[in-house]
Amino acid sequence: RPAGWAGKVWAMSEGVRAADRSRPELVLFTDADIAYGPGAVAGL
């Protein structure tokens, strides 16, 4: 983690870096403790 970065935001940024390899139109930032109903992502 670089100086001046908050831990969670840096982890989010690392996730975006990995996600960008497929150039998705949408990124869903979600916490590890969050459970989704079967069609929740489609609803979003």
ModelCIF file with pLDDT and N, C-alpha, C, O atoms, coordinates in Angstrom:
data_MODEL
#
_entry.id   MODEL 
#
_entity.id                         1 
_entity.type                       polymer 
_entity.pdbx_number_of_molecules   1 
#
_entity_poly.entity_id                      1 
_entity_poly.type                           'polypeptide(L)' 
_entity_poly.nstd_linkage                   no 
_entity_poly.nstd_monomer                   no 
_entity_poly.pdbx_seq_one_letter_code       RPAGWAGKVWAMSEGVRAADRSRPELVLFTDADIAYGPGAVAGL 
_entity_poly.pdbx_seq_one_letter_code_can   RPAGWAGKVWAMSEGVRAADRSRPELVLFTDADIAYGPGAVAGL 
_entity_poly.pdbx_strand_id                 A 
#
loop_
_entity_poly_seq.entity_id 
_entity_poly_seq.num 
_entity_poly_seq.mon_id 
_entity_poly_seq.hetero 
1 1  ARG n 
1 2  PRO n 
1 3  ALA n 
1 4  GLY n 
1 5  TRP n 
1 6  ALA n 
1 7  GLY n 
1 8  LYS n 
1 9  VAL n 
1 10 TRP n 
1 11 ALA n 
1 12 MET n 
1 13 SER n 
1 14 GLU n 
1 15 GLY n 
1 16 VAL n 
1 17 ARG n 
1 18 ALA n 
1 19 ALA n 
1 20 ASP n 
1 21 ARG n 
1 22 SER n 
1 23 ARG n 
1 24 PRO n 
1 25 GLU n 
1 26 LEU n 
1 27 VAL n 
1 28 LEU n 
1 29 PHE n 
1 30 THR n 
1 31 ASP n 
1 32 ALA n 
1 33 ASP n 
1 34 ILE n 
1 35 ALA n 
1 36 TYR n 
1 37 GLY n 
1 38 PRO n 
1 39 GLY n 
1 40 ALA n 
1 41 VAL n 
1 42 ALA n 
1 43 GLY n 
1 44 LEU n 
#
_struct_asym.id          A 
_struct_asym.entity_id   1 
#
loop_
_ma_qa_metric.id 
_ma_qa_metric.mode 
_ma_qa_metric.name 
_ma_qa_metric.software_group_id 
_ma_qa_metric.type 
1 global pLDDT . pLDDT 
2 local  pLDDT . pLDDT 
#
_ma_qa_metric_global.metric_id      1 
_ma_qa_metric_global.metric_value   96.05 
_ma_qa_metric_global.model_id       1 
_ma_qa_metric_global.ordinal_id     1 
#
loop_
_ma_qa_metric_local.label_asym_id 
_ma_qa_metric_local.label_comp_id 
_ma_qa_metric_local.label_seq_id 
_ma_qa_metric_local.metric_id 
_ma_qa_metric_local.metric_value 
_ma_qa_metric_local.model_id 
_ma_qa_metric_local.ordinal_id 
A ARG 1  2 95.00 1 1  
A PRO 2  2 96.00 1 2  
A ALA 3  2 95.00 1 3  
A GLY 4  2 94.00 1 4  
A TRP 5  2 96.00 1 5  
A ALA 6  2 94.00 1 6  
A GLY 7  2 93.00 1 7  
A LYS 8  2 96.00 1 8  
A VAL 9  2 97.00 1 9  
A TRP 10 2 97.00 1 10 
A ALA 11 2 97.00 1 11 
A MET 12 2 98.00 1 12 
A SER 13 2 98.00 1 13 
A GLU 14 2 98.00 1 14 
A GLY 15 2 98.00 1 15 
A VAL 16 2 98.00 1 16 
A ARG 17 2 97.00 1 17 
A ALA 18 2 97.00 1 18 
A ALA 19 2 96.00 1 19 
A ASP 20 2 92.00 1 20 
A ARG 21 2 91.00 1 21 
A SER 22 2 90.00 1 22 
A ARG 23 2 93.00 1 23 
A PRO 24 2 97.00 1 24 
A GLU 25 2 97.00 1 25 
A LEU 26 2 98.00 1 26 
A VAL 27 2 98.00 1 27 
A LEU 28 2 98.00 1 28 
A PHE 29 2 98.00 1 29 
A THR 30 2 98.00 1 30 
A ASP 31 2 98.00 1 31 
A ALA 32 2 98.00 1 32 
A ASP 33 2 98.00 1 33 
A ILE 34 2 98.00 1 34 
A ALA 35 2 98.00 1 35 
A TYR 36 2 97.00 1 36 
A GLY 37 2 96.00 1 37 
A PRO 38 2 93.00 1 38 
A GLY 39 2 92.00 1 39 
A ALA 40 2 96.00 1 40 
A VAL 41 2 97.00 1 41 
A ALA 42 2 95.00 1 42 
A GLY 43 2 94.00 1 43 
A LEU 44 2 96.00 1 44 
#
loop_
_atom_site.group_PDB 
_atom_site.id 
_atom_site.type_symbol 
_atom_site.label_atom_id 
_atom_site.label_alt_id 
_atom_site.label_comp_id 
_atom_site.label_asym_id 
_atom_site.label_entity_id 
_atom_site.label_seq_id 
_atom_site.pdbx_PDB_ins_code 
_atom_site.Cartn_x 
_atom_site.Cartn_y 
_atom_site.Cartn_z 
_atom_site.occupancy 
_atom_site.B_iso_or_equiv 
_atom_site.pdbx_formal_charge 
_atom_site.auth_seq_id 
_atom_site.auth_comp_id 
_atom_site.auth_asym_id 
_atom_site.auth_atom_id 
_atom_site.pdbx_PDB_model_num 
ATOM 1   N N  . ARG A 1 1  ? 0.831   -1.208  0.000   1.00 95.00 ? 1  ARG A N  1 
ATOM 2   C CA . ARG A 1 1  ? 0.000   0.000   0.000   1.00 95.00 ? 1  ARG A CA 1 
ATOM 3   C C  . ARG A 1 1  ? 0.862   1.254   0.000   1.00 95.00 ? 1  ARG A C  1 
ATOM 4   O O  . ARG A 1 1  ? 1.723   1.409   0.866   1.00 95.00 ? 1  ARG A O  1 
ATOM 5   N N  . PRO A 1 2  ? 0.645   2.154   -0.959  1.00 96.00 ? 2  PRO A N  1 
ATOM 6   C CA . PRO A 1 2  ? 1.442   3.389   -1.008  1.00 96.00 ? 2  PRO A CA 1 
ATOM 7   C C  . PRO A 1 2  ? 1.069   4.339   0.124   1.00 96.00 ? 2  PRO A C  1 
ATOM 8   O O  . PRO A 1 2  ? 0.002   4.230   0.729   1.00 96.00 ? 2  PRO A O  1 
ATOM 9   N N  . ALA A 1 3  ? 1.959   5.254   0.387   1.00 95.00 ? 3  ALA A N  1 
ATOM 10  C CA . ALA A 1 3  ? 1.689   6.283   1.387   1.00 95.00 ? 3  ALA A CA 1 
ATOM 11  C C  . ALA A 1 3  ? 0.477   7.105   0.985   1.00 95.00 ? 3  ALA A C  1 
ATOM 12  O O  . ALA A 1 3  ? 0.306   7.446   -0.186  1.00 95.00 ? 3  ALA A O  1 
ATOM 13  N N  . GLY A 1 4  ? -0.375  7.425   1.978   1.00 94.00 ? 4  GLY A N  1 
ATOM 14  C CA . GLY A 1 4  ? -1.513  8.285   1.742   1.00 94.00 ? 4  GLY A CA 1 
ATOM 15  C C  . GLY A 1 4  ? -2.767  7.577   1.284   1.00 94.00 ? 4  GLY A C  1 
ATOM 16  O O  . GLY A 1 4  ? -3.822  8.203   1.182   1.00 94.00 ? 4  GLY A O  1 
ATOM 17  N N  . TRP A 1 5  ? -2.682  6.288   1.006   1.00 96.00 ? 5  TRP A N  1 
ATOM 18  C CA . TRP A 1 5  ? -3.864  5.535   0.576   1.00 96.00 ? 5  TRP A CA 1 
ATOM 19  C C  . TRP A 1 5  ? -4.529  4.884   1.780   1.00 96.00 ? 5  TRP A C  1 
ATOM 20  O O  . TRP A 1 5  ? -3.850  4.336   2.648   1.00 96.00 ? 5  TRP A O  1 
ATOM 21  N N  . ALA A 1 6  ? -5.859  4.942   1.832   1.00 94.00 ? 6  ALA A N  1 
ATOM 22  C CA . ALA A 1 6  ? -6.619  4.175   2.814   1.00 94.00 ? 6  ALA A CA 1 
ATOM 23  C C  . ALA A 1 6  ? -6.597  2.710   2.394   1.00 94.00 ? 6  ALA A C  1 
ATOM 24  O O  . ALA A 1 6  ? -6.608  2.388   1.206   1.00 94.00 ? 6  ALA A O  1 
ATOM 25  N N  . GLY A 1 7  ? -6.567  1.832   3.388   1.00 93.00 ? 7  GLY A N  1 
ATOM 26  C CA . GLY A 1 7  ? -6.436  0.412   3.096   1.00 93.00 ? 7  GLY A CA 1 
ATOM 27  C C  . GLY A 1 7  ? -7.502  -0.131  2.175   1.00 93.00 ? 7  GLY A C  1 
ATOM 28  O O  . GLY A 1 7  ? -7.186  -0.828  1.211   1.00 93.00 ? 7  GLY A O  1 
ATOM 29  N N  . LYS A 1 8  ? -8.773  0.175   2.450   1.00 96.00 ? 8  LYS A N  1 
ATOM 30  C CA . LYS A 1 8  ? -9.844  -0.375  1.628   1.00 96.00 ? 8  LYS A CA 1 
ATOM 31  C C  . LYS A 1 8  ? -9.829  0.206   0.224   1.00 96.00 ? 8  LYS A C  1 
ATOM 32  O O  . LYS A 1 8  ? -10.033 -0.522  -0.747  1.00 96.00 ? 8  LYS A O  1 
ATOM 33  N N  . VAL A 1 9  ? -9.590  1.508   0.100   1.00 97.00 ? 9  VAL A N  1 
ATOM 34  C CA . VAL A 1 9  ? -9.591  2.120   -1.231  1.00 97.00 ? 9  VAL A CA 1 
ATOM 35  C C  . VAL A 1 9  ? -8.456  1.549   -2.076  1.00 97.00 ? 9  VAL A C  1 
ATOM 36  O O  . VAL A 1 9  ? -8.618  1.348   -3.280  1.00 97.00 ? 9  VAL A O  1 
ATOM 37  N N  . TRP A 1 10 ? -7.299  1.284   -1.446  1.00 97.00 ? 10 TRP A N  1 
ATOM 38  C CA . TRP A 1 10 ? -6.203  0.678   -2.181  1.00 97.00 ? 10 TRP A CA 1 
ATOM 39  C C  . TRP A 1 10 ? -6.589  -0.728  -2.659  1.00 97.00 ? 10 TRP A C  1 
ATOM 40  O O  . TRP A 1 10 ? -6.287  -1.101  -3.792  1.00 97.00 ? 10 TRP A O  1 
ATOM 41  N N  . ALA A 1 11 ? -7.249  -1.499  -1.806  1.00 97.00 ? 11 ALA A N  1 
ATOM 42  C CA . ALA A 1 11 ? -7.690  -2.830  -2.211  1.00 97.00 ? 11 ALA A CA 1 
ATOM 43  C C  . ALA A 1 11 ? -8.711  -2.737  -3.346  1.00 97.00 ? 11 ALA A C  1 
ATOM 44  O O  . ALA A 1 11 ? -8.678  -3.541  -4.277  1.00 97.00 ? 11 ALA A O  1 
ATOM 45  N N  . MET A 1 12 ? -9.610  -1.767  -3.272  1.00 98.00 ? 12 MET A N  1 
ATOM 46  C CA . MET A 1 12 ? -10.566 -1.551  -4.374  1.00 98.00 ? 12 MET A CA 1 
ATOM 47  C C  . MET A 1 12 ? -9.826  -1.234  -5.670  1.00 98.00 ? 12 MET A C  1 
ATOM 48  O O  . MET A 1 12 ? -10.178 -1.738  -6.737  1.00 98.00 ? 12 MET A O  1 
ATOM 49  N N  . SER A 1 13 ? -8.804  -0.398  -5.565  1.00 98.00 ? 13 SER A N  1 
ATOM 50  C CA . SER A 1 13 ? -8.025  -0.021  -6.739  1.00 98.00 ? 13 SER A CA 1 
ATOM 51  C C  . SER A 1 13 ? -7.310  -1.227  -7.334  1.00 98.00 ? 13 SER A C  1 
ATOM 52  O O  . SER A 1 13 ? -7.227  -1.364  -8.555  1.00 98.00 ? 13 SER A O  1 
ATOM 53  N N  . GLU A 1 14 ? -6.799  -2.093  -6.482  1.00 98.00 ? 14 GLU A N  1 
ATOM 54  C CA . GLU A 1 14 ? -6.146  -3.309  -6.956  1.00 98.00 ? 14 GLU A CA 1 
ATOM 55  C C  . GLU A 1 14 ? -7.144  -4.212  -7.682  1.00 98.00 ? 14 GLU A C  1 
ATOM 56  O O  . GLU A 1 14 ? -6.803  -4.869  -8.665  1.00 98.00 ? 14 GLU A O  1 
ATOM 57  N N  . GLY A 1 15 ? -8.377  -4.234  -7.182  1.00 98.00 ? 15 GLY A N  1 
ATOM 58  C CA . GLY A 1 15 ? -9.406  -5.012  -7.849  1.00 98.00 ? 15 GLY A CA 1 
ATOM 59  C C  . GLY A 1 15 ? -9.759  -4.447  -9.211  1.00 98.00 ? 15 GLY A C  1 
ATOM 60  O O  . GLY A 1 15 ? -9.963  -5.195  -10.167 1.00 98.00 ? 15 GLY A O  1 
ATOM 61  N N  . VAL A 1 16 ? -9.830  -3.126  -9.301  1.00 98.00 ? 16 VAL A N  1 
ATOM 62  C CA . VAL A 1 16 ? -10.121 -2.480  -10.588 1.00 98.00 ? 16 VAL A CA 1 
ATOM 63  C C  . VAL A 1 16 ? -8.998  -2.758  -11.581 1.00 98.00 ? 16 VAL A C  1 
ATOM 64  O O  . VAL A 1 16 ? -9.247  -2.984  -12.765 1.00 98.00 ? 16 VAL A O  1 
ATOM 65  N N  . ARG A 1 17 ? -7.769  -2.739  -11.096 1.00 97.00 ? 17 ARG A N  1 
ATOM 66  C CA . ARG A 1 17 ? -6.626  -3.030  -11.969 1.00 97.00 ? 17 ARG A CA 1 
ATOM 67  C C  . ARG A 1 17 ? -6.751  -4.426  -12.579 1.00 97.00 ? 17 ARG A C  1 
ATOM 68  O O  . ARG A 1 17 ? -6.494  -4.618  -13.768 1.00 97.00 ? 17 ARG A O  1 
ATOM 69  N N  . ALA A 1 18 ? -7.148  -5.396  -11.755 1.00 97.00 ? 18 ALA A N  1 
ATOM 70  C CA . ALA A 1 18 ? -7.334  -6.762  -12.259 1.00 97.00 ? 18 ALA A CA 1 
ATOM 71  C C  . ALA A 1 18 ? -8.554  -6.847  -13.181 1.00 97.00 ? 18 ALA A C  1 
ATOM 72  O O  . ALA A 1 18 ? -8.524  -7.537  -14.201 1.00 97.00 ? 18 ALA A O  1 
ATOM 73  N N  . ALA A 1 19 ? -9.630  -6.136  -12.812 1.00 96.00 ? 19 ALA A N  1 
ATOM 74  C CA . ALA A 1 19 ? -10.856 -6.181  -13.620 1.00 96.00 ? 19 ALA A CA 1 
ATOM 75  C C  . ALA A 1 19 ? -10.657 -5.545  -14.976 1.00 96.00 ? 19 ALA A C  1 
ATOM 76  O O  . ALA A 1 19 ? -11.278 -5.964  -15.953 1.00 96.00 ? 19 ALA A O  1 
ATOM 77  N N  . ASP A 1 20 ? -9.801  -4.539  -15.054 1.00 92.00 ? 20 ASP A N  1 
ATOM 78  C CA . ASP A 1 20 ? -9.629  -3.789  -16.298 1.00 92.00 ? 20 ASP A CA 1 
ATOM 79  C C  . ASP A 1 20 ? -9.070  -4.625  -17.437 1.00 92.00 ? 20 ASP A C  1 
ATOM 80  O O  . ASP A 1 20 ? -9.127  -4.211  -18.595 1.00 92.00 ? 20 ASP A O  1 
ATOM 81  N N  . ARG A 1 21 ? -8.537  -5.786  -17.123 1.00 91.00 ? 21 ARG A N  1 
ATOM 82  C CA . ARG A 1 21 ? -8.014  -6.629  -18.195 1.00 91.00 ? 21 ARG A CA 1 
ATOM 83  C C  . ARG A 1 21 ? -9.117  -7.059  -19.163 1.00 91.00 ? 21 ARG A C  1 
ATOM 84  O O  . ARG A 1 21 ? -8.861  -7.314  -20.340 1.00 91.00 ? 21 ARG A O  1 
ATOM 85  N N  . SER A 1 22 ? -10.355 -7.135  -18.645 1.00 90.00 ? 22 SER A N  1 
ATOM 86  C CA . SER A 1 22 ? -11.482 -7.509  -19.516 1.00 90.00 ? 22 SER A CA 1 
ATOM 87  C C  . SER A 1 22 ? -12.340 -6.313  -19.903 1.00 90.00 ? 22 SER A C  1 
ATOM 88  O O  . SER A 1 22 ? -13.337 -6.460  -20.610 1.00 90.00 ? 22 SER A O  1 
ATOM 89  N N  . ARG A 1 23 ? -11.950 -5.119  -19.436 1.00 93.00 ? 23 ARG A N  1 
ATOM 90  C CA . ARG A 1 23 ? -12.651 -3.874  -19.768 1.00 93.00 ? 23 ARG A CA 1 
ATOM 91  C C  . ARG A 1 23 ? -14.156 -3.970  -19.555 1.00 93.00 ? 23 ARG A C  1 
ATOM 92  O O  . ARG A 1 23 ? -14.910 -3.743  -20.502 1.00 93.00 ? 23 ARG A O  1 
ATOM 93  N N  . PRO A 1 24 ? -14.619 -4.293  -18.365 1.00 97.00 ? 24 PRO A N  1 
ATOM 94  C CA . PRO A 1 24 ? -16.068 -4.393  -18.123 1.00 97.00 ? 24 PRO A CA 1 
ATOM 95  C C  . PRO A 1 24 ? -16.716 -3.016  -18.175 1.00 97.00 ? 24 PRO A C  1 
ATOM 96  O O  . PRO A 1 24 ? -16.069 -2.005  -17.904 1.00 97.00 ? 24 PRO A O  1 
ATOM 97  N N  . GLU A 1 25 ? -17.989 -2.984  -18.523 1.00 97.00 ? 25 GLU A N  1 
ATOM 98  C CA . GLU A 1 25 ? -18.707 -1.718  -18.531 1.00 97.00 ? 25 GLU A CA 1 
ATOM 99  C C  . GLU A 1 25 ? -19.048 -1.277  -17.112 1.00 97.00 ? 25 GLU A C  1 
ATOM 100 O O  . GLU A 1 25 ? -19.067 -0.083  -16.814 1.00 97.00 ? 25 GLU A O  1 
ATOM 101 N N  . LEU A 1 26 ? -19.317 -2.240  -16.242 1.00 98.00 ? 26 LEU A N  1 
ATOM 102 C CA . LEU A 1 26 ? -19.742 -1.950  -14.884 1.00 98.00 ? 26 LEU A CA 1 
ATOM 103 C C  . LEU A 1 26 ? -18.849 -2.673  -13.870 1.00 98.00 ? 26 LEU A C  1 
ATOM 104 O O  . LEU A 1 26 ? -18.444 -3.817  -14.077 1.00 98.00 ? 26 LEU A O  1 
ATOM 105 N N  . VAL A 1 27 ? -18.560 -1.983  -12.783 1.00 98.00 ? 27 VAL A N  1 
ATOM 106 C CA . VAL A 1 27 ? -17.811 -2.576  -11.678 1.00 98.00 ? 27 VAL A CA 1 
ATOM 107 C C  . VAL A 1 27 ? -18.690 -2.519  -10.438 1.00 98.00 ? 27 VAL A C  1 
ATOM 108 O O  . VAL A 1 27 ? -19.223 -1.465  -10.090 1.00 98.00 ? 27 VAL A O  1 
ATOM 109 N N  . LEU A 1 28 ? -18.835 -3.654  -9.778  1.00 98.00 ? 28 LEU A N  1 
ATOM 110 C CA . LEU A 1 28 ? -19.613 -3.725  -8.543  1.00 98.00 ? 28 LEU A CA 1 
ATOM 111 C C  . LEU A 1 28 ? -18.649 -3.815  -7.372  1.00 98.00 ? 28 LEU A C  1 
ATOM 112 O O  . LEU A 1 28 ? -18.029 -4.855  -7.151  1.00 98.00 ? 28 LEU A O  1 
ATOM 113 N N  . PHE A 1 29 ? -18.520 -2.720  -6.616  1.00 98.00 ? 29 PHE A N  1 
ATOM 114 C CA . PHE A 1 29 ? -17.715 -2.736  -5.404  1.00 98.00 ? 29 PHE A CA 1 
ATOM 115 C C  . PHE A 1 29 ? -18.588 -3.281  -4.277  1.00 98.00 ? 29 PHE A C  1 
ATOM 116 O O  . PHE A 1 29 ? -19.638 -2.716  -3.973  1.00 98.00 ? 29 PHE A O  1 
ATOM 117 N N  . THR A 1 30 ? -18.161 -4.358  -3.671  1.00 98.00 ? 30 THR A N  1 
ATOM 118 C CA . THR A 1 30 ? -18.973 -4.964  -2.622  1.00 98.00 ? 30 THR A CA 1 
ATOM 119 C C  . THR A 1 30 ? -18.083 -5.494  -1.517  1.00 98.00 ? 30 THR A C  1 
ATOM 120 O O  . THR A 1 30 ? -16.960 -5.927  -1.778  1.00 98.00 ? 30 THR A O  1 
ATOM 121 N N  . ASP A 1 31 ? -18.569 -5.465  -0.288  1.00 98.00 ? 31 ASP A N  1 
ATOM 122 C CA . ASP A 1 31 ? -17.788 -5.924  0.856   1.00 98.00 ? 31 ASP A CA 1 
ATOM 123 C C  . ASP A 1 31 ? -17.881 -7.434  1.007   1.00 98.00 ? 31 ASP A C  1 
ATOM 124 O O  . ASP A 1 31 ? -18.813 -8.070  0.514   1.00 98.00 ? 31 ASP A O  1 
ATOM 125 N N  . ALA A 1 32 ? -16.899 -7.993  1.696   1.00 98.00 ? 32 ALA A N  1 
ATOM 126 C CA . ALA A 1 32 ? -16.839 -9.441  1.864   1.00 98.00 ? 32 ALA A CA 1 
ATOM 127 C C  . ALA A 1 32 ? -17.973 -9.984  2.719   1.00 98.00 ? 32 ALA A C  1 
ATOM 128 O O  . ALA A 1 32 ? -18.285 -11.173 2.643   1.00 98.00 ? 32 ALA A O  1 
ATOM 129 N N  . ASP A 1 33 ? -18.588 -9.145  3.523   1.00 98.00 ? 33 ASP A N  1 
ATOM 130 C CA . ASP A 1 33 ? -19.659 -9.617  4.414   1.00 98.00 ? 33 ASP A CA 1 
ATOM 131 C C  . ASP A 1 33 ? -21.048 -9.502  3.788   1.00 98.00 ? 33 ASP A C  1 
ATOM 132 O O  . ASP A 1 33 ? -22.046 -9.769  4.457   1.00 98.00 ? 33 ASP A O  1 
ATOM 133 N N  . ILE A 1 34 ? -21.128 -9.108  2.512   1.00 98.00 ? 34 ILE A N  1 
ATOM 134 C CA . ILE A 1 34 ? -22.420 -8.876  1.866   1.00 98.00 ? 34 ILE A CA 1 
ATOM 135 C C  . ILE A 1 34 ? -22.871 -10.110 1.093   1.00 98.00 ? 34 ILE A C  1 
ATOM 136 O O  . ILE A 1 34 ? -22.131 -10.642 0.266   1.00 98.00 ? 34 ILE A O  1 
ATOM 137 N N  . ALA A 1 35 ? -24.105 -10.564 1.374   1.00 98.00 ? 35 ALA A N  1 
ATOM 138 C CA . ALA A 1 35 ? -24.728 -11.677 0.652   1.00 98.00 ? 35 ALA A CA 1 
ATOM 139 C C  . ALA A 1 35 ? -25.809 -11.120 -0.267  1.00 98.00 ? 35 ALA A C  1 
ATOM 140 O O  . ALA A 1 35 ? -26.583 -10.247 0.125   1.00 98.00 ? 35 ALA A O  1 
ATOM 141 N N  . TYR A 1 36 ? -25.853 -11.637 -1.499  1.00 97.00 ? 36 TYR A N  1 
ATOM 142 C CA . TYR A 1 36 ? -26.795 -11.163 -2.510  1.00 97.00 ? 36 TYR A CA 1 
ATOM 143 C C  . TYR A 1 36 ? -27.870 -12.203 -2.792  1.00 97.00 ? 36 TYR A C  1 
ATOM 144 O O  . TYR A 1 36 ? -27.589 -13.399 -2.865  1.00 97.00 ? 36 TYR A O  1 
ATOM 145 N N  . GLY A 1 37 ? -29.110 -11.728 -2.950  1.00 96.00 ? 37 GLY A N  1 
ATOM 146 C CA . GLY A 1 37 ? -30.178 -12.600 -3.406  1.00 96.00 ? 37 GLY A CA 1 
ATOM 147 C C  . GLY A 1 37 ? -29.908 -13.057 -4.830  1.00 96.00 ? 37 GLY A C  1 
ATOM 148 O O  . GLY A 1 37 ? -29.093 -12.443 -5.519  1.00 96.00 ? 37 GLY A O  1 
ATOM 149 N N  . PRO A 1 38 ? -30.566 -14.115 -5.296  1.00 93.00 ? 38 PRO A N  1 
ATOM 150 C CA . PRO A 1 38 ? -30.261 -14.716 -6.601  1.00 93.00 ? 38 PRO A CA 1 
ATOM 151 C C  . PRO A 1 38 ? -30.240 -13.747 -7.778  1.00 93.00 ? 38 PRO A C  1 
ATOM 152 O O  . PRO A 1 38 ? -29.379 -13.873 -8.648  1.00 93.00 ? 38 PRO A O  1 
ATOM 153 N N  . GLY A 1 39 ? -31.158 -12.787 -7.834  1.00 92.00 ? 39 GLY A N  1 
ATOM 154 C CA . GLY A 1 39 ? -31.199 -11.861 -8.964  1.00 92.00 ? 39 GLY A CA 1 
ATOM 155 C C  . GLY A 1 39 ? -30.772 -10.457 -8.616  1.00 92.00 ? 39 GLY A C  1 
ATOM 156 O O  . GLY A 1 39 ? -31.105 -9.514  -9.334  1.00 92.00 ? 39 GLY A O  1 
ATOM 157 N N  . ALA A 1 40 ? -30.040 -10.297 -7.527  1.00 96.00 ? 40 ALA A N  1 
ATOM 158 C CA . ALA A 1 40 ? -29.712 -8.953  -7.049  1.00 96.00 ? 40 ALA A CA 1 
ATOM 159 C C  . ALA A 1 40 ? -28.821 -8.183  -8.015  1.00 96.00 ? 40 ALA A C  1 
ATOM 160 O O  . ALA A 1 40 ? -29.064 -7.002  -8.267  1.00 96.00 ? 40 ALA A O  1 
ATOM 161 N N  . VAL A 1 41 ? -27.799 -8.827  -8.559  1.00 97.00 ? 41 VAL A N  1 
ATOM 162 C CA . VAL A 1 41 ? -26.895 -8.125  -9.478  1.00 97.00 ? 41 VAL A CA 1 
ATOM 163 C C  . VAL A 1 41 ? -27.645 -7.701  -10.737 1.00 97.00 ? 41 VAL A C  1 
ATOM 164 O O  . VAL A 1 41 ? -27.465 -6.586  -11.226 1.00 97.00 ? 41 VAL A O  1 
ATOM 165 N N  . ALA A 1 42 ? -28.488 -8.595  -11.261 1.00 95.00 ? 42 ALA A N  1 
ATOM 166 C CA . ALA A 1 42 ? -29.296 -8.230  -12.427 1.00 95.00 ? 42 ALA A CA 1 
ATOM 167 C C  . ALA A 1 42 ? -30.207 -7.045  -12.103 1.00 95.00 ? 42 ALA A C  1 
ATOM 168 O O  . ALA A 1 42 ? -30.415 -6.175  -12.948 1.00 95.00 ? 42 ALA A O  1 
ATOM 169 N N  . GLY A 1 43 ? -30.747 -7.009  -10.890 1.00 94.00 ? 43 GLY A N  1 
ATOM 170 C CA . GLY A 1 43 ? -31.596 -5.892  -10.483 1.00 94.00 ? 43 GLY A CA 1 
ATOM 171 C C  . GLY A 1 43 ? -30.841 -4.582  -10.439 1.00 94.00 ? 43 GLY A C  1 
ATOM 172 O O  . GLY A 1 43 ? -31.377 -3.540  -10.817 1.00 94.00 ? 43 GLY A O  1 
ATOM 173 N N  . LEU A 1 44 ? -29.597 -4.623  -9.980  1.00 96.00 ? 44 LEU A N  1 
ATOM 174 C CA . LEU A 1 44 ? -28.776 -3.414  -9.961  1.00 96.00 ? 44 LEU A CA 1 
ATOM 175 C C  . LEU A 1 44 ? -28.524 -2.910  -11.376 1.00 96.00 ? 44 LEU A C  1 
ATOM 176 O O  . LEU A 1 44 ? -27.849 -1.897  -11.560 1.00 96.00 ? 44 LEU A O  1 
#
